[in-house]
Amino acid sequence: MANTKGVMRPLVNFPEDLWCDRFLSLPFNNSEFESYTKQVEAMKETVKDMLVVSTTDPMEKMHLVNSLCRLGVSYHFENEIEEQLNHLFITLPKLLDDNDYDLHIVALVFQIFRFNGYKLPCGVFSKFQDGDGKFKEQVMGDVKGMVSLYEASHFRTNGEAILDEALDFTTKHLRSLANQSSTSPHLREYIENALFRPYHHSMQRLEAKLYISFYEKDESRNDILLNFAKYDFNRVQLLLQQELTVLSR
């Protein structure tokens, strides 16, 4: 048996904890948390009614679902969203055939369904291509459509050449648009955020914070959704801060 007496082992000098004890001192305002919670609960039924009410234009529901997801509040309505998507997916082929939807709508529908696990074929974008399989130049003027197509292209699977082309096409032209002096700061920020990190690649809370700031400046915004998202974001932020404090003890 080896003699271990007198063996000197080197001491390891670990660096100080980067975060120290800053999370231990995070204040938790319970009355503020309860206030946000009451606001969220009071508005939740109103938003739910917006989601389940009948409408003559199914694409209004898709816009609403998209806003709920990007604002970070879709988790409140998972069952209702699933029900709406199930119903719409059945009627979608006829809707796309009977209506001349623009690129933004088609790309938005595509990414919502793909994100939620529906196998929507990428052929829905073929009407925006010319005979050589290239995207038509006129779609470059639809900035929202270009951003939506760029984000939709990240849901491509192996062998979907149309989405490979969409990624190359939108990346090139969106970078050009972002560098043009005629592009408004609001729109430039929207483009740059999408190019830096597509929505579904981002952390949900971070994306919600960014999108709330963008949505607030959108003239077509729904103020009920905006306020609901703000209250919910603040409520969840307080809750996460409290959890960090507990875990740091």
Foldseek 3Di string as FASTA:
>chain_A
DDDCPPPDDDDDDDDDDPCHQVLLPDDFDPVLLVVLVVVLVVLVVVLLCVQQPDDPDLLVNLVSCVLCQLLLNCVSPVVSNVVSLVVCVVCVVVVLVVDDDALLSLLSNLQVCLVVPHCDDPCSCVVQADPVLAGDPVNLVVLSSLLSLCLSLVSDDPPNVSSVNSNVVSLVSLVVLLPDPPRDPLSNVVSVVCNVANPVRDDSLVSSVVVLVSLVPDPPHDVSSSVSSVSVSVSVVSVVSVVSNVVSD
